[in-house]
Structures are given as C-alpha cells and as structure tokens.
Amino acid sequence: MSRHLEVGERILKTEALHGGITAEMRRLTIGTRDGGTRDLVLRSFVDPFYVRGAEDGLNGEAGALSLLTGTGVPAPGLVAVDPTAAHCEYPSLLMTHLTGRTVLDDEGLETRVPLLARQLVAIHALRPAERPRKYVTLTTADTVVVPKGADAEAWAAAIDVIRKPAPSYEGRFLHRDFQPGNVLFDVPPSTPTGARITGVVDWAGTCWGPADLDVAHCSTNLALLHGPAWGLRFAEAYEEAGGVLAAAASERLYWQVRDGLACSEEVQLVSQPWREAGRTELTTRAVEERLDAYVTALMDALG
C-alpha cells in the first residue's frame, strides 16, 4: 500500500465493507500531508474458490476502470492492481472510494428503477477502442436446480428455452453484474424521490455481449429482492430510457430465462449478503419461492 500513497501520507484506519460475494472489501482512511483524510478501497480475493479466477478478473477490472475514466460513468478510479499476489497476501485491486451506499429496501423503488435503467443505458452506449472479452454463460439445461415445490411445467418449459442456441445480437459493452448490490445511491432522508446514483462498482465481469444479458441479470435481482413484478418492469424501464433490446419476444425470453435459471444454482450465495445488509426476511427458501414465481411469470408473460 505505502508505495502507492503520496509522500507524507499514511493509513490511519481500515474498515470492512459488507455485501460482497466473491471478494473482501476494505475502506482505507488515508491521512494526508495537510492534516486531512481521503479514502481508498482495497478489493481482495481471499476464498480459494475465487482466487483461482482472480488474475483474469482483476486484470479485466483494472482495464475496465482505466477505460471508464472520463466517460461520465461513475466508476472508481484505478490506483493499483496486484492480480497474482506478488506484493499482497491475496490477489487485490486498489481503487478510489465513491460516496453513497447500496439501497436494497422496497421503499423508494419507483424512483430507483428508472435511475438504474438510465445508468445501464449509459454503460451500454460506451464504444471502447478495444473491446473487452466476449461474454460467457456457465448455466446449462443440465445444471439448473429446480426449487422444491416449484411449478414443474413452467420450469421444464424454461429449461427447454435455453437448450436452443443463443440468438444473434448486436454487441454492447456490458457490466455483467449490474444489479442493486453494485450500485451506490445518495438518498436524501427527507426526500427519497431525490435519490441519485453516485457510483457503479465491481467491474470484474466486464465483457462484450447482448444488452439483453445485463438487463436480464438486473431483472432477476430485482425480482428476488422486491418481487417478480419488478423483474418484469425493469426491461420496460430500460427501453423507456432509450435502451434497445432484442426485437423478437422469443429472443428476449431466452436471455431473461437464462439469467433466472442461472440464479437457481446460487440462491444461497446471493441471498446471504442481502440478509447481512438487513433484508433478514429473504431466507434461502423465500428467495427460492420468488425465483419460482419469477420464472413462472416470465413463461406466462413472454412465452
């Protein structure tokens, strides 16, 4: 750390930041020469499972943060990266600290969803000189985990959807994990409708692919956090904000269903940070039930 600080600066304190799944996050308060302070954030891959892919992820994130500088997208600034743990105990990335906080409550959602949609449209509008890697999807029809008590007919139909080849698409710059847990807001206590986005974080998955994939991912997260209707609403909000999705309903369905089914494999993993953030009612079982309702709603509304 010290080699990346200004002369006369020192670390005054560290604070663990909660909500991350793949990495540990720490806010570092730096004492400056003039007696003031500034904050940095250290992102470290500690879990052996995630350490295996840390080099690619951190190199990708470092490249994305460098590219985003000056674009108007509110992303952290890159300070340093150590993707192979040559200098740190674990593979790590050091970045500037953004103001704001994640907001996962139902209150004020009507205001935040259009803001999320507009922000995602702005991300997809970026045209970097060098494209990031092509997107990947790991879920297959054989790895889907059907929740206990789920609508068997709807899930069977959904699984059949992703057995088909992926639709053709016009490529876009994707965040790949754009969802409320990776967006920071400033929400005035007296006027929740005055909320604004102050930052978008976790750019490790940045890639090139269909806009529908990012939209589908945020839709799934909204459905699990706030109910299926909000998952269906997000695609509408994205188009209202000027975003362009696949023209055919069957193509949109493919991406929406693919992301919903992908979540079936990691319900426990995604719901735990939400409970730690205060959404204690979102037990693994409760999230499974919402996922079932969302997948069923997709098949009813778009199938």
C-alpha atoms as a PDB file:
ATOM      1  CA  MET A   1       0.000   0.000   0.000  1.00  0.00           C
ATOM      2  CA  SER A   2       2.652   2.513   1.052  1.00  0.00           C
ATOM      3  CA  ARG A   3       4.301   2.622  -2.375  1.00  0.00           C
ATOM      4  CA  HIS A   4       1.021   3.882  -3.847  1.00  0.00           C
ATOM      5  CA  LEU A   5       0.490   6.702  -1.342  1.00  0.00           C
ATOM      6  CA  GLU A   6       1.691  10.273  -1.711  1.00  0.00           C
ATOM      7  CA  VAL A   7       4.768  11.410   0.209  1.00  0.00           C
ATOM      8  CA  GLY A   8       3.811  12.059   3.821  1.00  0.00           C
ATOM      9  CA  GLU A   9       0.581  10.051   3.681  1.00  0.00           C
ATOM     10  CA  ARG A  10      -0.196   7.102   5.935  1.00  0.00           C
ATOM     11  CA  ILE A  11      -3.026   4.676   6.623  1.00  0.00           C
ATOM     12  CA  LEU A  12      -4.991   5.797   9.669  1.00  0.00           C
ATOM     13  CA  LYS A  13      -7.597   3.024   9.848  1.00  0.00           C
ATOM     14  CA  THR A  14      -9.310   0.257   7.914  1.00  0.00           C
ATOM     15  CA  GLU A  15     -12.967  -0.712   7.844  1.00  0.00           C
ATOM     16  CA  ALA A  16     -14.536  -3.866   6.424  1.00  0.00           C
ATOM     17  CA  LEU A  17     -17.233  -3.224   3.839  1.00  0.00           C
ATOM     18  CA  HIS A  18     -20.053  -5.755   3.698  1.00  0.00           C
ATOM     19  CA  GLY A  19     -22.182  -7.063   0.862  1.00  0.00           C
ATOM     20  CA  GLY A  20     -19.574  -8.587  -1.434  1.00  0.00           C
ATOM     21  CA  ILE A  21     -19.794 -12.220  -2.511  1.00  0.00           C
ATOM     22  CA  THR A  22     -16.576 -13.019  -4.351  1.00  0.00           C
ATOM     23  CA  ALA A  23     -14.093 -10.724  -2.599  1.00  0.00           C
ATOM     24  CA  GLU A  24     -13.359  -8.993   0.693  1.00  0.00           C
ATOM     25  CA  MET A  25     -13.635  -5.212   0.607  1.00  0.00           C
ATOM     26  CA  ARG A  26     -11.935  -2.744   2.935  1.00  0.00           C
ATOM     27  CA  ARG A  27     -12.155   1.018   3.119  1.00  0.00           C
ATOM     28  CA  LEU A  28      -8.801   2.577   3.992  1.00  0.00           C
ATOM     29  CA  THR A  29      -8.706   6.030   5.543  1.00  0.00           C
ATOM     30  CA  ILE A  30      -5.525   7.811   4.461  1.00  0.00           C
ATOM     31  CA  GLY A  31      -4.055  10.703   6.420  1.00  0.00           C
ATOM     32  CA  THR A  32      -2.812  13.413   4.051  1.00  0.00           C
ATOM     33  CA  ARG A  33       0.108  15.823   4.470  1.00  0.00           C
ATOM     34  CA  ASP A  34      -2.177  18.784   5.141  1.00  0.00           C
ATOM     35  CA  GLY A  35      -3.868  17.036   8.067  1.00  0.00           C
ATOM     36  CA  GLY A  36      -6.929  15.934   6.121  1.00  0.00           C
ATOM     37  CA  THR A  37      -8.036  12.490   5.027  1.00  0.00           C
ATOM     38  CA  ARG A  38      -9.049  10.636   1.875  1.00  0.00           C
ATOM     39  CA  ASP A  39     -10.443   7.148   1.373  1.00  0.00           C
ATOM     40  CA  LEU A  40      -9.355   4.250  -0.823  1.00  0.00           C
ATOM     41  CA  VAL A  41     -10.906   0.803  -1.249  1.00  0.00           C
ATOM     42  CA  LEU A  42      -8.947  -2.459  -1.321  1.00  0.00           C
ATOM     43  CA  ARG A  43     -10.619  -5.427  -3.032  1.00  0.00           C
ATOM     44  CA  SER A  44      -9.012  -8.791  -2.210  1.00  0.00           C
ATOM     45  CA  PHE A  45      -9.865 -12.293  -3.396  1.00  0.00           C
ATOM     46  CA  VAL A  46      -9.434 -14.485  -0.324  1.00  0.00           C
ATOM     47  CA  ASP A  47     -11.647 -17.535  -0.785  1.00  0.00           C
ATOM     48  CA  PRO A  48      -9.626 -20.283  -2.552  1.00  0.00           C
ATOM     49  CA  PHE A  49     -12.525 -20.897  -4.950  1.00  0.00           C
ATOM     50  CA  TYR A  50     -12.413 -17.310  -6.201  1.00  0.00           C
ATOM     51  CA  VAL A  51      -8.632 -16.936  -6.004  1.00  0.00           C
ATOM     52  CA  ARG A  52      -8.389 -19.357  -8.936  1.00  0.00           C
ATOM     53  CA  GLY A  53     -10.027 -16.861 -11.281  1.00  0.00           C
ATOM     54  CA  ALA A  54      -8.725 -13.728  -9.583  1.00  0.00           C
ATOM     55  CA  GLU A  55      -5.978 -12.930 -12.089  1.00  0.00           C
ATOM     56  CA  ASP A  56      -8.334 -12.722 -15.057  1.00  0.00           C
ATOM     57  CA  GLY A  57     -10.990 -10.920 -13.043  1.00  0.00           C
ATOM     58  CA  LEU A  58      -8.644  -8.300 -11.602  1.00  0.00           C
ATOM     59  CA  ASN A  59      -6.902  -7.669 -14.916  1.00  0.00           C
ATOM     60  CA  GLY A  60     -10.323  -7.264 -16.512  1.00  0.00           C
ATOM     61  CA  GLU A  61     -11.491  -4.898 -13.786  1.00  0.00           C
ATOM     62  CA  ALA A  62      -8.305  -2.836 -13.956  1.00  0.00           C
ATOM     63  CA  GLY A  63      -8.757  -2.497 -17.711  1.00  0.00           C
ATOM     64  CA  ALA A  64     -12.401  -1.536 -17.312  1.00  0.00           C
ATOM     65  CA  LEU A  65     -11.685   1.118 -14.675  1.00  0.00           C
ATOM     66  CA  SER A  66      -8.976   2.633 -16.868  1.00  0.00           C
ATOM     67  CA  LEU A  67     -11.350   2.699 -19.832  1.00  0.00           C
ATOM     68  CA  LEU A  68     -14.169   4.266 -17.806  1.00  0.00           C
ATOM     69  CA  THR A  69     -12.063   7.246 -16.741  1.00  0.00           C
ATOM     70  CA  GLY A  70     -13.562  10.385 -18.233  1.00  0.00           C
ATOM     71  CA  THR A  71     -16.615   8.660 -19.725  1.00  0.00           C
ATOM     72  CA  GLY A  72     -19.145  10.077 -17.286  1.00  0.00           C
ATOM     73  CA  VAL A  73     -19.973   6.634 -15.896  1.00  0.00           C
ATOM     74  CA  PRO A  74     -19.459   6.980 -12.112  1.00  0.00           C
ATOM     75  CA  ALA A  75     -16.904   4.215 -11.530  1.00  0.00           C
ATOM     76  CA  PRO A  76     -13.972   4.075  -9.095  1.00  0.00           C
ATOM     77  CA  GLY A  77     -10.578   5.233 -10.293  1.00  0.00           C
ATOM     78  CA  LEU A  78      -7.831   2.633 -10.555  1.00  0.00           C
ATOM     79  CA  VAL A  79      -4.881   3.163  -8.192  1.00  0.00           C
ATOM     80  CA  ALA A  80      -3.030  -0.158  -8.441  1.00  0.00           C
ATOM     81  CA  VAL A  81      -3.605  -3.843  -9.096  1.00  0.00           C
ATOM     82  CA  ASP A  82      -1.765  -6.983  -7.943  1.00  0.00           C
ATOM     83  CA  PRO A  83      -3.556  -9.810  -9.784  1.00  0.00           C
ATOM     84  CA  THR A  84      -1.101 -12.566  -8.834  1.00  0.00           C
ATOM     85  CA  ALA A  85      -0.488 -11.570  -5.182  1.00  0.00           C
ATOM     86  CA  ALA A  86       3.127 -10.696  -5.925  1.00  0.00           C
ATOM     87  CA  HIS A  87       3.052  -7.940  -3.304  1.00  0.00           C
ATOM     88  CA  CYS A  88      -0.101  -8.653  -1.299  1.00  0.00           C
ATOM     89  CA  GLU A  89      -1.190 -11.648   0.717  1.00  0.00           C
ATOM     90  CA  TYR A  90      -4.060 -12.149  -1.745  1.00  0.00           C
ATOM     91  CA  PRO A  91      -4.803 -11.001  -5.320  1.00  0.00           C
ATOM     92  CA  SER A  92      -6.002  -7.427  -4.871  1.00  0.00           C
ATOM     93  CA  LEU A  93      -7.040  -4.196  -6.514  1.00  0.00           C
ATOM     94  CA  LEU A  94      -6.757  -0.722  -5.009  1.00  0.00           C
ATOM     95  CA  MET A  95      -9.192   1.959  -6.146  1.00  0.00           C
ATOM     96  CA  THR A  96     -10.648   5.294  -5.172  1.00  0.00           C
ATOM     97  CA  HIS A  97     -13.639   5.402  -2.821  1.00  0.00           C
ATOM     98  CA  LEU A  98     -17.038   6.556  -4.075  1.00  0.00           C
ATOM     99  CA  THR A  99     -19.644   8.243  -1.922  1.00  0.00           C
ATOM    100  CA  GLY A 100     -23.093   6.759  -1.467  1.00  0.00           C
ATOM    101  CA  ARG A 101     -24.442   3.418  -0.345  1.00  0.00           C
ATOM    102  CA  THR A 102     -26.279   0.407  -1.699  1.00  0.00           C
ATOM    103  CA  VAL A 103     -30.037   0.572  -1.164  1.00  0.00           C
ATOM    104  CA  LEU A 104     -31.885  -2.750  -1.054  1.00  0.00           C
ATOM    105  CA  ASP A 105     -35.130  -1.678   0.628  1.00  0.00           C
ATOM    106  CA  ASP A 106     -38.521  -1.675  -1.076  1.00  0.00           C
ATOM    107  CA  GLU A 107     -39.143   1.969  -0.140  1.00  0.00           C
ATOM    108  CA  GLY A 108     -38.375   4.364  -2.983  1.00  0.00           C
ATOM    109  CA  LEU A 109     -38.085   1.622  -5.593  1.00  0.00           C
ATOM    110  CA  GLU A 110     -40.338   3.509  -8.007  1.00  0.00           C
ATOM    111  CA  THR A 111     -37.680   6.223  -8.142  1.00  0.00           C
ATOM    112  CA  ARG A 112     -34.608   3.986  -8.223  1.00  0.00           C
ATOM    113  CA  VAL A 113     -35.646   1.595 -11.024  1.00  0.00           C
ATOM    114  CA  PRO A 114     -35.700   4.314 -13.740  1.00  0.00           C
ATOM    115  CA  LEU A 115     -32.343   5.562 -12.439  1.00  0.00           C
ATOM    116  CA  LEU A 116     -30.904   2.056 -12.710  1.00  0.00           C
ATOM    117  CA  ALA A 117     -32.266   1.754 -16.242  1.00  0.00           C
ATOM    118  CA  ARG A 118     -30.806   5.073 -17.379  1.00  0.00           C
ATOM    119  CA  GLN A 119     -27.440   4.199 -15.886  1.00  0.00           C
ATOM    120  CA  LEU A 120     -27.347   0.857 -17.674  1.00  0.00           C
ATOM    121  CA  VAL A 121     -28.247   2.510 -20.985  1.00  0.00           C
ATOM    122  CA  ALA A 122     -25.274   4.868 -20.485  1.00  0.00           C
ATOM    123  CA  ILE A 123     -22.945   1.913 -19.835  1.00  0.00           C
ATOM    124  CA  HIS A 124     -24.153   0.115 -22.945  1.00  0.00           C
ATOM    125  CA  ALA A 125     -23.568   3.256 -25.008  1.00  0.00           C
ATOM    126  CA  LEU A 126     -19.804   3.078 -24.435  1.00  0.00           C
ATOM    127  CA  ARG A 127     -17.766   2.151 -27.504  1.00  0.00           C
ATOM    128  CA  PRO A 128     -14.236   1.366 -26.344  1.00  0.00           C
ATOM    129  CA  ALA A 129     -11.395   1.380 -28.859  1.00  0.00           C
ATOM    130  CA  GLU A 130     -10.536  -2.122 -27.705  1.00  0.00           C
ATOM    131  CA  ARG A 131     -13.422  -4.450 -26.930  1.00  0.00           C
ATOM    132  CA  PRO A 132     -13.345  -6.479 -23.721  1.00  0.00           C
ATOM    133  CA  ARG A 133     -13.592 -10.279 -23.859  1.00  0.00           C
ATOM    134  CA  LYS A 134     -16.749 -11.935 -25.140  1.00  0.00           C
ATOM    135  CA  TYR A 135     -19.405 -12.800 -22.563  1.00  0.00           C
ATOM    136  CA  VAL A 136     -19.712 -16.297 -21.130  1.00  0.00           C
ATOM    137  CA  THR A 137     -22.686 -18.107 -19.610  1.00  0.00           C
ATOM    138  CA  LEU A 138     -21.981 -21.131 -17.466  1.00  0.00           C
ATOM    139  CA  THR A 139     -25.504 -22.379 -16.849  1.00  0.00           C
ATOM    140  CA  THR A 140     -26.733 -25.313 -18.911  1.00  0.00           C
ATOM    141  CA  ALA A 141     -30.049 -27.129 -19.096  1.00  0.00           C
ATOM    142  CA  ASP A 142     -28.458 -29.916 -17.050  1.00  0.00           C
ATOM    143  CA  THR A 143     -27.136 -27.751 -14.202  1.00  0.00           C
ATOM    144  CA  VAL A 144     -30.363 -25.892 -13.374  1.00  0.00           C
ATOM    145  CA  VAL A 145     -31.569 -26.515  -9.800  1.00  0.00           C
ATOM    146  CA  VAL A 146     -35.368 -26.596  -9.723  1.00  0.00           C
ATOM    147  CA  PRO A 147     -36.560 -25.268  -6.337  1.00  0.00           C
ATOM    148  CA  LYS A 148     -38.567 -27.572  -4.121  1.00  0.00           C
ATOM    149  CA  GLY A 149     -42.283 -27.213  -4.817  1.00  0.00           C
ATOM    150  CA  ALA A 150     -41.690 -25.188  -7.987  1.00  0.00           C
ATOM    151  CA  ASP A 151     -44.083 -25.133 -10.938  1.00  0.00           C
ATOM    152  CA  ALA A 152     -42.648 -28.182 -12.710  1.00  0.00           C
ATOM    153  CA  GLU A 153     -44.335 -27.440 -16.028  1.00  0.00           C
ATOM    154  CA  ALA A 154     -43.088 -23.837 -16.157  1.00  0.00           C
ATOM    155  CA  TRP A 155     -39.547 -24.841 -15.218  1.00  0.00           C
ATOM    156  CA  ALA A 156     -39.450 -27.638 -17.775  1.00  0.00           C
ATOM    157  CA  ALA A 157     -40.540 -25.170 -20.448  1.00  0.00           C
ATOM    158  CA  ALA A 158     -37.938 -22.634 -19.269  1.00  0.00           C
ATOM    159  CA  ILE A 159     -35.181 -25.231 -19.366  1.00  0.00           C
ATOM    160  CA  ASP A 160     -36.212 -26.127 -22.914  1.00  0.00           C
ATOM    161  CA  VAL A 161     -35.757 -22.459 -23.867  1.00  0.00           C
ATOM    162  CA  ILE A 162     -32.047 -22.493 -23.002  1.00  0.00           C
ATOM    163  CA  ARG A 163     -31.445 -25.783 -24.798  1.00  0.00           C
ATOM    164  CA  LYS A 164     -31.691 -23.758 -28.007  1.00  0.00           C
ATOM    165  CA  PRO A 165     -28.732 -21.847 -29.480  1.00  0.00           C
ATOM    166  CA  ALA A 166     -28.279 -18.277 -28.269  1.00  0.00           C
ATOM    167  CA  PRO A 167     -29.976 -15.693 -30.508  1.00  0.00           C
ATOM    168  CA  SER A 168     -27.859 -13.416 -32.683  1.00  0.00           C
ATOM    169  CA  TYR A 169     -27.247  -9.989 -31.157  1.00  0.00           C
ATOM    170  CA  GLU A 170     -25.606  -6.609 -31.638  1.00  0.00           C
ATOM    171  CA  GLY A 171     -22.714  -6.402 -29.187  1.00  0.00           C
ATOM    172  CA  ARG A 172     -22.585  -3.895 -26.348  1.00  0.00           C
ATOM    173  CA  PHE A 173     -20.180  -3.025 -23.550  1.00  0.00           C
ATOM    174  CA  LEU A 174     -21.557  -4.992 -20.574  1.00  0.00           C
ATOM    175  CA  HIS A 175     -21.029  -4.640 -16.839  1.00  0.00           C
ATOM    176  CA  ARG A 176     -22.181  -8.255 -16.464  1.00  0.00           C
ATOM    177  CA  ASP A 177     -23.177  -7.940 -12.794  1.00  0.00           C
ATOM    178  CA  PHE A 178     -25.263  -4.773 -12.891  1.00  0.00           C
ATOM    179  CA  GLN A 179     -27.756  -5.043 -10.029  1.00  0.00           C
ATOM    180  CA  PRO A 180     -28.734  -3.055  -6.905  1.00  0.00           C
ATOM    181  CA  GLY A 181     -25.897  -4.530  -4.831  1.00  0.00           C
ATOM    182  CA  ASN A 182     -23.329  -2.967  -7.181  1.00  0.00           C
ATOM    183  CA  VAL A 183     -24.886   0.499  -7.471  1.00  0.00           C
ATOM    184  CA  LEU A 184     -24.359   3.287  -4.931  1.00  0.00           C
ATOM    185  CA  PHE A 185     -27.042   5.871  -4.222  1.00  0.00           C
ATOM    186  CA  ASP A 186     -27.316   9.155  -2.413  1.00  0.00           C
ATOM    187  CA  VAL A 187     -30.822   9.238  -0.944  1.00  0.00           C
ATOM    188  CA  PRO A 188     -31.765  12.425   0.959  1.00  0.00           C
ATOM    189  CA  PRO A 189     -33.549  11.335   4.178  1.00  0.00           C
ATOM    190  CA  SER A 190     -36.253  13.956   3.805  1.00  0.00           C
ATOM    191  CA  THR A 191     -36.890  13.412   0.069  1.00  0.00           C
ATOM    192  CA  PRO A 192     -36.370   9.792  -1.091  1.00  0.00           C
ATOM    193  CA  THR A 193     -37.607  10.819  -4.540  1.00  0.00           C
ATOM    194  CA  GLY A 194     -34.461  12.944  -4.835  1.00  0.00           C
ATOM    195  CA  ALA A 195     -32.252   9.842  -4.984  1.00  0.00           C
ATOM    196  CA  ARG A 196     -29.344   9.836  -7.415  1.00  0.00           C
ATOM    197  CA  ILE A 197     -26.715   7.304  -8.410  1.00  0.00           C
ATOM    198  CA  THR A 198     -23.209   8.123  -7.169  1.00  0.00           C
ATOM    199  CA  GLY A 199     -21.332   5.068  -8.364  1.00  0.00           C
ATOM    200  CA  VAL A 200     -21.284   1.675 -10.064  1.00  0.00           C
ATOM    201  CA  VAL A 201     -18.810  -0.848  -8.661  1.00  0.00           C
ATOM    202  CA  ASP A 202     -17.483  -4.381  -9.289  1.00  0.00           C
ATOM    203  CA  TRP A 203     -16.339  -4.275 -12.905  1.00  0.00           C
ATOM    204  CA  ALA A 204     -14.537  -7.633 -12.779  1.00  0.00           C
ATOM    205  CA  GLY A 205     -17.005  -9.250 -15.191  1.00  0.00           C
ATOM    206  CA  THR A 206     -16.880  -6.559 -17.875  1.00  0.00           C
ATOM    207  CA  CYS A 207     -17.349  -8.113 -21.319  1.00  0.00           C
ATOM    208  CA  TRP A 208     -18.878  -7.689 -24.784  1.00  0.00           C
ATOM    209  CA  GLY A 209     -22.284  -9.166 -25.492  1.00  0.00           C
ATOM    210  CA  PRO A 210     -26.044  -8.575 -25.803  1.00  0.00           C
ATOM    211  CA  ALA A 211     -27.639  -5.726 -23.859  1.00  0.00           C
ATOM    212  CA  ASP A 212     -30.399  -8.199 -23.003  1.00  0.00           C
ATOM    213  CA  LEU A 213     -27.970 -10.151 -20.820  1.00  0.00           C
ATOM    214  CA  ASP A 214     -27.243  -7.195 -18.496  1.00  0.00           C
ATOM    215  CA  VAL A 215     -30.924  -6.266 -18.425  1.00  0.00           C
ATOM    216  CA  ALA A 216     -31.907  -9.839 -17.613  1.00  0.00           C
ATOM    217  CA  HIS A 217     -29.429 -10.007 -14.754  1.00  0.00           C
ATOM    218  CA  CYS A 218     -30.693  -6.831 -13.119  1.00  0.00           C
ATOM    219  CA  SER A 219     -34.259  -8.011 -13.705  1.00  0.00           C
ATOM    220  CA  THR A 220     -33.630 -11.279 -11.872  1.00  0.00           C
ATOM    221  CA  ASN A 221     -32.084  -9.474  -8.906  1.00  0.00           C
ATOM    222  CA  LEU A 222     -34.975  -7.011  -8.714  1.00  0.00           C
ATOM    223  CA  ALA A 223     -37.438  -9.903  -8.841  1.00  0.00           C
ATOM    224  CA  LEU A 224     -35.741 -11.674  -5.943  1.00  0.00           C
ATOM    225  CA  LEU A 225     -35.253  -8.536  -3.867  1.00  0.00           C
ATOM    226  CA  HIS A 226     -38.598  -6.874  -4.466  1.00  0.00           C
ATOM    227  CA  GLY A 227     -40.942  -9.344  -6.169  1.00  0.00           C
ATOM    228  CA  PRO A 228     -41.463 -10.741  -9.685  1.00  0.00           C
ATOM    229  CA  ALA A 229     -43.364  -7.704 -10.960  1.00  0.00           C
ATOM    230  CA  TRP A 230     -40.246  -5.553 -10.568  1.00  0.00           C
ATOM    231  CA  GLY A 231     -38.209  -8.048 -12.553  1.00  0.00           C
ATOM    232  CA  LEU A 232     -40.667  -7.743 -15.420  1.00  0.00           C
ATOM    233  CA  ARG A 233     -40.781  -3.957 -15.053  1.00  0.00           C
ATOM    234  CA  PHE A 234     -37.041  -3.374 -15.485  1.00  0.00           C
ATOM    235  CA  ALA A 235     -36.924  -4.281 -19.180  1.00  0.00           C
ATOM    236  CA  GLU A 236     -39.697  -1.752 -19.796  1.00  0.00           C
ATOM    237  CA  ALA A 237     -37.790   0.908 -17.845  1.00  0.00           C
ATOM    238  CA  TYR A 238     -34.640   0.166 -19.872  1.00  0.00           C
ATOM    239  CA  GLU A 239     -36.486   0.775 -23.153  1.00  0.00           C
ATOM    240  CA  GLU A 240     -38.167   3.888 -21.754  1.00  0.00           C
ATOM    241  CA  ALA A 241     -34.667   5.182 -21.004  1.00  0.00           C
ATOM    242  CA  GLY A 242     -33.661   4.713 -24.636  1.00  0.00           C
ATOM    243  CA  GLY A 243     -32.156   1.238 -24.446  1.00  0.00           C
ATOM    244  CA  VAL A 244     -32.629  -1.232 -27.287  1.00  0.00           C
ATOM    245  CA  LEU A 245     -33.390  -4.901 -26.624  1.00  0.00           C
ATOM    246  CA  ALA A 246     -33.856  -7.866 -28.952  1.00  0.00           C
ATOM    247  CA  ALA A 247     -36.710  -7.259 -31.366  1.00  0.00           C
ATOM    248  CA  ALA A 248     -38.361 -10.667 -31.031  1.00  0.00           C
ATOM    249  CA  ALA A 249     -40.141 -11.649 -27.814  1.00  0.00           C
ATOM    250  CA  SER A 250     -38.678 -15.138 -28.083  1.00  0.00           C
ATOM    251  CA  GLU A 251     -35.148 -13.715 -28.108  1.00  0.00           C
ATOM    252  CA  ARG A 252     -35.831 -11.545 -25.065  1.00  0.00           C
ATOM    253  CA  LEU A 253     -37.285 -14.560 -23.326  1.00  0.00           C
ATOM    254  CA  TYR A 254     -34.124 -16.545 -23.973  1.00  0.00           C
ATOM    255  CA  TRP A 255     -31.898 -14.091 -22.108  1.00  0.00           C
ATOM    256  CA  GLN A 256     -34.389 -13.434 -19.285  1.00  0.00           C
ATOM    257  CA  VAL A 257     -34.906 -17.132 -18.690  1.00  0.00           C
ATOM    258  CA  ARG A 258     -31.205 -17.927 -18.956  1.00  0.00           C
ATOM    259  CA  ASP A 259     -30.338 -15.490 -16.182  1.00  0.00           C
ATOM    260  CA  GLY A 260     -33.219 -16.597 -13.968  1.00  0.00           C
ATOM    261  CA  LEU A 261     -32.188 -20.220 -14.292  1.00  0.00           C
ATOM    262  CA  ALA A 262     -28.553 -19.317 -13.642  1.00  0.00           C
ATOM    263  CA  CYS A 263     -29.617 -17.865 -10.309  1.00  0.00           C
ATOM    264  CA  SER A 264     -31.179 -21.201  -9.354  1.00  0.00           C
ATOM    265  CA  GLU A 265     -27.678 -22.587  -8.832  1.00  0.00           C
ATOM    266  CA  GLU A 266     -26.614 -19.942  -6.338  1.00  0.00           C
ATOM    267  CA  VAL A 267     -29.690 -18.810  -4.406  1.00  0.00           C
ATOM    268  CA  GLN A 268     -27.987 -19.292  -1.049  1.00  0.00           C
ATOM    269  CA  LEU A 269     -24.894 -17.433  -2.225  1.00  0.00           C
ATOM    270  CA  VAL A 270     -26.771 -14.347  -3.419  1.00  0.00           C
ATOM    271  CA  SER A 271     -29.294 -14.185  -0.573  1.00  0.00           C
ATOM    272  CA  GLN A 272     -26.815 -14.231   2.303  1.00  0.00           C
ATOM    273  CA  PRO A 273     -25.358 -10.733   1.618  1.00  0.00           C
ATOM    274  CA  TRP A 274     -28.907  -9.384   1.376  1.00  0.00           C
ATOM    275  CA  ARG A 275     -29.710 -10.740   4.838  1.00  0.00           C
ATOM    276  CA  GLU A 276     -26.461  -9.295   6.199  1.00  0.00           C
ATOM    277  CA  ALA A 277     -27.500  -5.943   4.742  1.00  0.00           C
ATOM    278  CA  GLY A 278     -30.749  -6.019   6.722  1.00  0.00           C
ATOM    279  CA  ARG A 279     -33.173  -7.923   4.489  1.00  0.00           C
ATOM    280  CA  THR A 280     -33.456 -10.691   7.090  1.00  0.00           C
ATOM    281  CA  GLU A 281     -36.769 -11.911   5.661  1.00  0.00           C
ATOM    282  CA  LEU A 282     -35.000 -13.033   2.469  1.00  0.00           C
ATOM    283  CA  THR A 283     -34.173 -16.518   3.617  1.00  0.00           C
ATOM    284  CA  THR A 284     -32.911 -19.019   1.075  1.00  0.00           C
ATOM    285  CA  ARG A 285     -36.382 -20.549   0.942  1.00  0.00           C
ATOM    286  CA  ALA A 286     -38.096 -17.183   0.495  1.00  0.00           C
ATOM    287  CA  VAL A 287     -35.771 -16.314  -2.393  1.00  0.00           C
ATOM    288  CA  GLU A 288     -36.374 -19.722  -3.991  1.00  0.00           C
ATOM    289  CA  GLU A 289     -40.111 -19.051  -3.883  1.00  0.00           C
ATOM    290  CA  ARG A 290     -39.647 -15.654  -5.517  1.00  0.00           C
ATOM    291  CA  LEU A 291     -37.435 -17.196  -8.182  1.00  0.00           C
ATOM    292  CA  ASP A 292     -40.108 -19.791  -8.923  1.00  0.00           C
ATOM    293  CA  ALA A 293     -42.742 -17.065  -9.176  1.00  0.00           C
ATOM    294  CA  TYR A 294     -40.485 -15.003 -11.459  1.00  0.00           C
ATOM    295  CA  VAL A 295     -39.638 -17.857 -13.829  1.00  0.00           C
ATOM    296  CA  THR A 296     -43.323 -18.769 -13.989  1.00  0.00           C
ATOM    297  CA  ALA A 297     -44.240 -15.133 -14.670  1.00  0.00           C
ATOM    298  CA  LEU A 298     -41.664 -14.965 -17.481  1.00  0.00           C
ATOM    299  CA  MET A 299     -43.120 -18.031 -19.147  1.00  0.00           C
ATOM    300  CA  ASP A 300     -46.644 -16.653 -18.748  1.00  0.00           C
ATOM    301  CA  ALA A 301     -45.858 -13.116 -19.908  1.00  0.00           C
ATOM    302  CA  LEU A 302     -43.260 -13.711 -22.604  1.00  0.00           C
ATOM    303  CA  GLY A 303     -43.617 -17.376 -23.519  1.00  0.00           C
END
